[in-house]
Amino acid sequence: MRESKPILPPGTLERSFKKKGPKQYTIWVDLEYCIGCHACTMACKAENNTPVGLDFNRVIEVEEGEFTNPKKKPNLGTYFVAMPCMH
């Protein structure tokens, strides 16, 4: 697995913590490594105390390809897309 590096200019995070008032946080999801575990959905749900049935962050499963001939190997694939609310 590759090592992640900060994408913020030096000192940005330190200045942000020194600001007064409420803090806003985000969830960073690298779609290259998404396995569809819904951990980001559960973290968002726990942090925002949303009721059952309301999810600000969703993960959808996308299936692509086709299976037309049962005698041949199917050409199918699945990937996951995290869909945060962006607010």
N, C-alpha and C. Protein backbone atom coordinates (compact mmCIF):
# COMPACT_ATOMS: atom_id res chain seq x y z
N MET A 1 0.85 -1.17 0.00
CA MET A 1 0.00 0.00 0.00
C MET A 1 0.90 1.23 0.00
N ARG A 2 0.52 2.23 -0.74
CA ARG A 2 1.35 3.42 -0.83
C ARG A 2 1.21 4.29 0.41
N GLU A 3 2.23 5.07 0.68
CA GLU A 3 2.23 5.97 1.83
C GLU A 3 1.52 7.26 1.45
N SER A 4 0.59 7.68 2.28
CA SER A 4 -0.13 8.92 1.98
C SER A 4 0.65 10.11 2.50
N LYS A 5 0.60 11.19 1.76
CA LYS A 5 1.28 12.42 2.13
C LYS A 5 0.25 13.52 2.25
N PRO A 6 0.45 14.48 3.14
CA PRO A 6 -0.51 15.57 3.27
C PRO A 6 -0.56 16.41 2.00
N ILE A 7 -1.75 16.86 1.65
CA ILE A 7 -1.90 17.69 0.46
C ILE A 7 -2.07 19.16 0.82
N LEU A 8 -2.04 19.48 2.10
CA LEU A 8 -2.18 20.86 2.54
C LEU A 8 -0.82 21.55 2.58
N PRO A 9 -0.81 22.84 2.30
CA PRO A 9 0.45 23.58 2.44
C PRO A 9 0.93 23.54 3.90
N PRO A 10 2.23 23.62 4.13
CA PRO A 10 2.76 23.58 5.50
C PRO A 10 2.14 24.65 6.39
N GLY A 11 1.76 24.27 7.59
CA GLY A 11 1.21 25.21 8.56
C GLY A 11 -0.30 25.40 8.49
N THR A 12 -0.95 24.90 7.46
CA THR A 12 -2.39 25.10 7.30
C THR A 12 -3.18 24.43 8.43
N LEU A 13 -2.83 23.20 8.74
CA LEU A 13 -3.54 22.46 9.77
C LEU A 13 -3.35 23.10 11.14
N GLU A 14 -2.14 23.53 11.45
CA GLU A 14 -1.87 24.17 12.74
C GLU A 14 -2.67 25.46 12.88
N ARG A 15 -2.74 26.26 11.81
CA ARG A 15 -3.54 27.51 11.85
C ARG A 15 -5.02 27.21 12.03
N SER A 16 -5.48 26.14 11.43
CA SER A 16 -6.89 25.77 11.55
C SER A 16 -7.26 25.42 12.99
N PHE A 17 -6.38 24.71 13.69
CA PHE A 17 -6.66 24.34 15.08
C PHE A 17 -6.63 25.54 16.02
N LYS A 18 -5.93 26.61 15.65
CA LYS A 18 -5.85 27.79 16.49
C LYS A 18 -7.06 28.71 16.33
N LYS A 19 -7.86 28.52 15.27
CA LYS A 19 -9.04 29.36 15.05
C LYS A 19 -10.10 29.09 16.11
N LYS A 20 -10.82 30.14 16.47
CA LYS A 20 -11.91 30.00 17.43
C LYS A 20 -13.18 29.58 16.71
N GLY A 21 -14.10 29.02 17.47
CA GLY A 21 -15.38 28.61 16.90
C GLY A 21 -15.43 27.13 16.61
N PRO A 22 -16.57 26.67 16.09
CA PRO A 22 -16.74 25.24 15.83
C PRO A 22 -15.83 24.76 14.70
N LYS A 23 -15.41 23.54 14.80
CA LYS A 23 -14.54 22.93 13.80
C LYS A 23 -15.39 22.11 12.82
N GLN A 24 -14.95 22.04 11.58
CA GLN A 24 -15.60 21.20 10.58
C GLN A 24 -14.60 20.17 10.12
N TYR A 25 -15.02 18.93 10.12
CA TYR A 25 -14.15 17.83 9.72
C TYR A 25 -14.72 17.17 8.48
N THR A 26 -13.91 16.40 7.81
CA THR A 26 -14.35 15.71 6.61
C THR A 26 -13.87 14.26 6.65
N ILE A 27 -14.45 13.45 5.81
CA ILE A 27 -14.01 12.07 5.65
C ILE A 27 -13.33 11.97 4.30
N TRP A 28 -12.11 11.49 4.29
CA TRP A 28 -11.35 11.33 3.06
C TRP A 28 -11.48 9.88 2.63
N VAL A 29 -11.99 9.62 1.43
CA VAL A 29 -12.18 8.27 0.94
C VAL A 29 -11.37 8.11 -0.34
N ASP A 30 -10.42 7.20 -0.34
CA ASP A 30 -9.65 6.89 -1.54
C ASP A 30 -10.38 5.76 -2.26
N LEU A 31 -11.04 6.09 -3.36
CA LEU A 31 -11.87 5.11 -4.07
C LEU A 31 -11.06 3.97 -4.66
N GLU A 32 -9.76 4.17 -4.81
CA GLU A 32 -8.91 3.09 -5.33
C GLU A 32 -8.90 1.91 -4.37
N TYR A 33 -9.07 2.17 -3.08
CA TYR A 33 -9.02 1.12 -2.07
C TYR A 33 -10.39 0.77 -1.48
N CYS A 34 -11.44 1.36 -1.99
CA CYS A 34 -12.78 1.10 -1.45
C CYS A 34 -13.20 -0.35 -1.73
N ILE A 35 -13.58 -1.06 -0.66
CA ILE A 35 -14.01 -2.45 -0.81
C ILE A 35 -15.49 -2.62 -0.48
N GLY A 36 -16.18 -1.49 -0.28
CA GLY A 36 -17.61 -1.55 -0.02
C GLY A 36 -17.98 -1.95 1.39
N CYS A 37 -17.13 -1.64 2.37
CA CYS A 37 -17.37 -2.07 3.75
C CYS A 37 -18.35 -1.15 4.50
N HIS A 38 -18.65 0.01 3.97
CA HIS A 38 -19.57 0.98 4.56
C HIS A 38 -19.07 1.58 5.87
N ALA A 39 -17.76 1.49 6.15
CA ALA A 39 -17.22 2.10 7.37
C ALA A 39 -17.38 3.62 7.33
N CYS A 40 -17.24 4.23 6.16
CA CYS A 40 -17.41 5.68 6.05
C CYS A 40 -18.86 6.08 6.34
N THR A 41 -19.81 5.25 5.92
CA THR A 41 -21.22 5.51 6.20
C THR A 41 -21.50 5.44 7.69
N MET A 42 -20.94 4.42 8.35
CA MET A 42 -21.16 4.26 9.79
C MET A 42 -20.47 5.37 10.59
N ALA A 43 -19.28 5.80 10.16
CA ALA A 43 -18.59 6.90 10.84
C ALA A 43 -19.38 8.19 10.72
N CYS A 44 -19.91 8.47 9.55
CA CYS A 44 -20.72 9.67 9.33
C CYS A 44 -22.01 9.59 10.16
N LYS A 45 -22.63 8.43 10.19
CA LYS A 45 -23.86 8.24 10.94
C LYS A 45 -23.63 8.44 12.43
N ALA A 46 -22.52 7.93 12.95
CA ALA A 46 -22.20 8.06 14.37
C ALA A 46 -21.88 9.52 14.72
N GLU A 47 -21.16 10.21 13.85
CA GLU A 47 -20.75 11.58 14.14
C GLU A 47 -21.93 12.55 14.07
N ASN A 48 -22.85 12.32 13.14
CA ASN A 48 -23.97 13.24 12.93
C ASN A 48 -25.26 12.82 13.63
N ASN A 49 -25.24 11.67 14.31
CA ASN A 49 -26.42 11.18 15.05
C ASN A 49 -27.68 11.17 14.19
N THR A 50 -27.57 10.62 13.00
CA THR A 50 -28.73 10.58 12.11
C THR A 50 -29.63 9.41 12.50
N PRO A 51 -30.94 9.56 12.30
CA PRO A 51 -31.87 8.48 12.65
C PRO A 51 -31.76 7.30 11.67
N VAL A 52 -32.38 6.21 12.06
CA VAL A 52 -32.40 5.01 11.22
C VAL A 52 -33.08 5.37 9.90
N GLY A 53 -32.48 4.96 8.80
CA GLY A 53 -33.06 5.21 7.48
C GLY A 53 -32.54 6.46 6.81
N LEU A 54 -31.81 7.31 7.53
CA LEU A 54 -31.26 8.53 6.94
C LEU A 54 -29.73 8.43 6.94
N ASP A 55 -29.15 8.40 5.75
CA ASP A 55 -27.70 8.31 5.61
C ASP A 55 -27.21 9.49 4.79
N PHE A 56 -26.32 10.29 5.37
CA PHE A 56 -25.71 11.40 4.63
C PHE A 56 -24.66 10.87 3.67
N ASN A 57 -24.03 9.79 4.03
CA ASN A 57 -22.95 9.20 3.23
C ASN A 57 -23.40 7.81 2.79
N ARG A 58 -23.36 7.56 1.49
CA ARG A 58 -23.79 6.25 0.98
C ARG A 58 -22.65 5.62 0.17
N VAL A 59 -22.71 4.32 0.04
CA VAL A 59 -21.79 3.59 -0.83
C VAL A 59 -22.65 2.77 -1.77
N ILE A 60 -22.45 2.99 -3.06
CA ILE A 60 -23.23 2.22 -4.03
C ILE A 60 -22.32 1.21 -4.72
N GLU A 61 -22.91 0.11 -5.10
CA GLU A 61 -22.20 -0.95 -5.81
C GLU A 61 -22.58 -0.88 -7.28
N VAL A 62 -21.59 -0.82 -8.15
CA VAL A 62 -21.83 -0.73 -9.58
C VAL A 62 -21.31 -2.00 -10.23
N GLU A 63 -22.18 -2.67 -10.96
CA GLU A 63 -21.79 -3.87 -11.69
C GLU A 63 -21.75 -3.54 -13.17
N GLU A 64 -20.70 -4.00 -13.83
CA GLU A 64 -20.59 -3.73 -15.26
C GLU A 64 -20.20 -5.00 -15.99
N GLY A 65 -20.47 -5.01 -17.27
CA GLY A 65 -20.15 -6.17 -18.09
C GLY A 65 -21.42 -6.91 -18.48
N GLU A 66 -21.23 -8.05 -19.08
CA GLU A 66 -22.40 -8.83 -19.50
C GLU A 66 -22.10 -10.33 -19.40
N PHE A 67 -23.16 -11.05 -19.25
CA PHE A 67 -23.09 -12.51 -19.18
C PHE A 67 -24.12 -13.03 -20.16
N THR A 68 -23.68 -13.27 -21.38
CA THR A 68 -24.62 -13.64 -22.43
C THR A 68 -24.58 -15.12 -22.79
N ASN A 69 -23.41 -15.72 -22.72
CA ASN A 69 -23.27 -17.12 -23.12
C ASN A 69 -22.78 -17.94 -21.93
N PRO A 70 -23.60 -18.86 -21.41
CA PRO A 70 -23.19 -19.64 -20.25
C PRO A 70 -22.01 -20.58 -20.51
N LYS A 71 -21.65 -20.81 -21.77
CA LYS A 71 -20.53 -21.68 -22.08
C LYS A 71 -19.19 -20.94 -22.08
N LYS A 72 -19.24 -19.60 -22.04
CA LYS A 72 -18.03 -18.79 -22.03
C LYS A 72 -17.86 -18.12 -20.67
N LYS A 73 -16.64 -17.75 -20.39
CA LYS A 73 -16.34 -17.05 -19.14
C LYS A 73 -17.02 -15.67 -19.16
N PRO A 74 -17.74 -15.32 -18.10
CA PRO A 74 -18.43 -14.02 -18.10
C PRO A 74 -17.44 -12.86 -18.00
N ASN A 75 -17.79 -11.77 -18.61
CA ASN A 75 -16.99 -10.55 -18.58
C ASN A 75 -17.67 -9.57 -17.64
N LEU A 76 -17.51 -9.78 -16.34
CA LEU A 76 -18.20 -8.98 -15.33
C LEU A 76 -17.20 -8.30 -14.40
N GLY A 77 -17.63 -7.21 -13.82
CA GLY A 77 -16.81 -6.50 -12.84
C GLY A 77 -17.68 -5.73 -11.88
N THR A 78 -17.18 -5.51 -10.70
CA THR A 78 -17.90 -4.76 -9.68
C THR A 78 -16.96 -3.74 -9.06
N TYR A 79 -17.46 -2.54 -8.83
CA TYR A 79 -16.70 -1.55 -8.07
C TYR A 79 -17.65 -0.76 -7.20
N PHE A 80 -17.10 -0.07 -6.23
CA PHE A 80 -17.90 0.67 -5.26
C PHE A 80 -17.61 2.16 -5.38
N VAL A 81 -18.64 2.96 -5.16
CA VAL A 81 -18.50 4.41 -5.22
C VAL A 81 -19.07 5.00 -3.94
N ALA A 82 -18.20 5.68 -3.18
CA ALA A 82 -18.67 6.38 -1.98
C ALA A 82 -19.30 7.69 -2.42
N MET A 83 -20.48 7.99 -1.88
CA MET A 83 -21.21 9.21 -2.25
C MET A 83 -21.48 10.04 -1.00
N PRO A 84 -20.50 10.85 -0.59
CA PRO A 84 -20.73 11.70 0.58
C PRO A 84 -21.66 12.85 0.25
N CYS A 85 -22.22 13.44 1.31
CA CYS A 85 -23.21 14.50 1.12
C CYS A 85 -22.59 15.83 0.71
N MET A 86 -21.31 16.03 0.97
CA MET A 86 -20.58 17.24 0.59
C MET A 86 -21.07 18.51 1.30
N HIS A 87 -21.56 18.38 2.50
CA HIS A 87 -21.92 19.61 3.23
C HIS A 87 -21.06 19.80 4.42
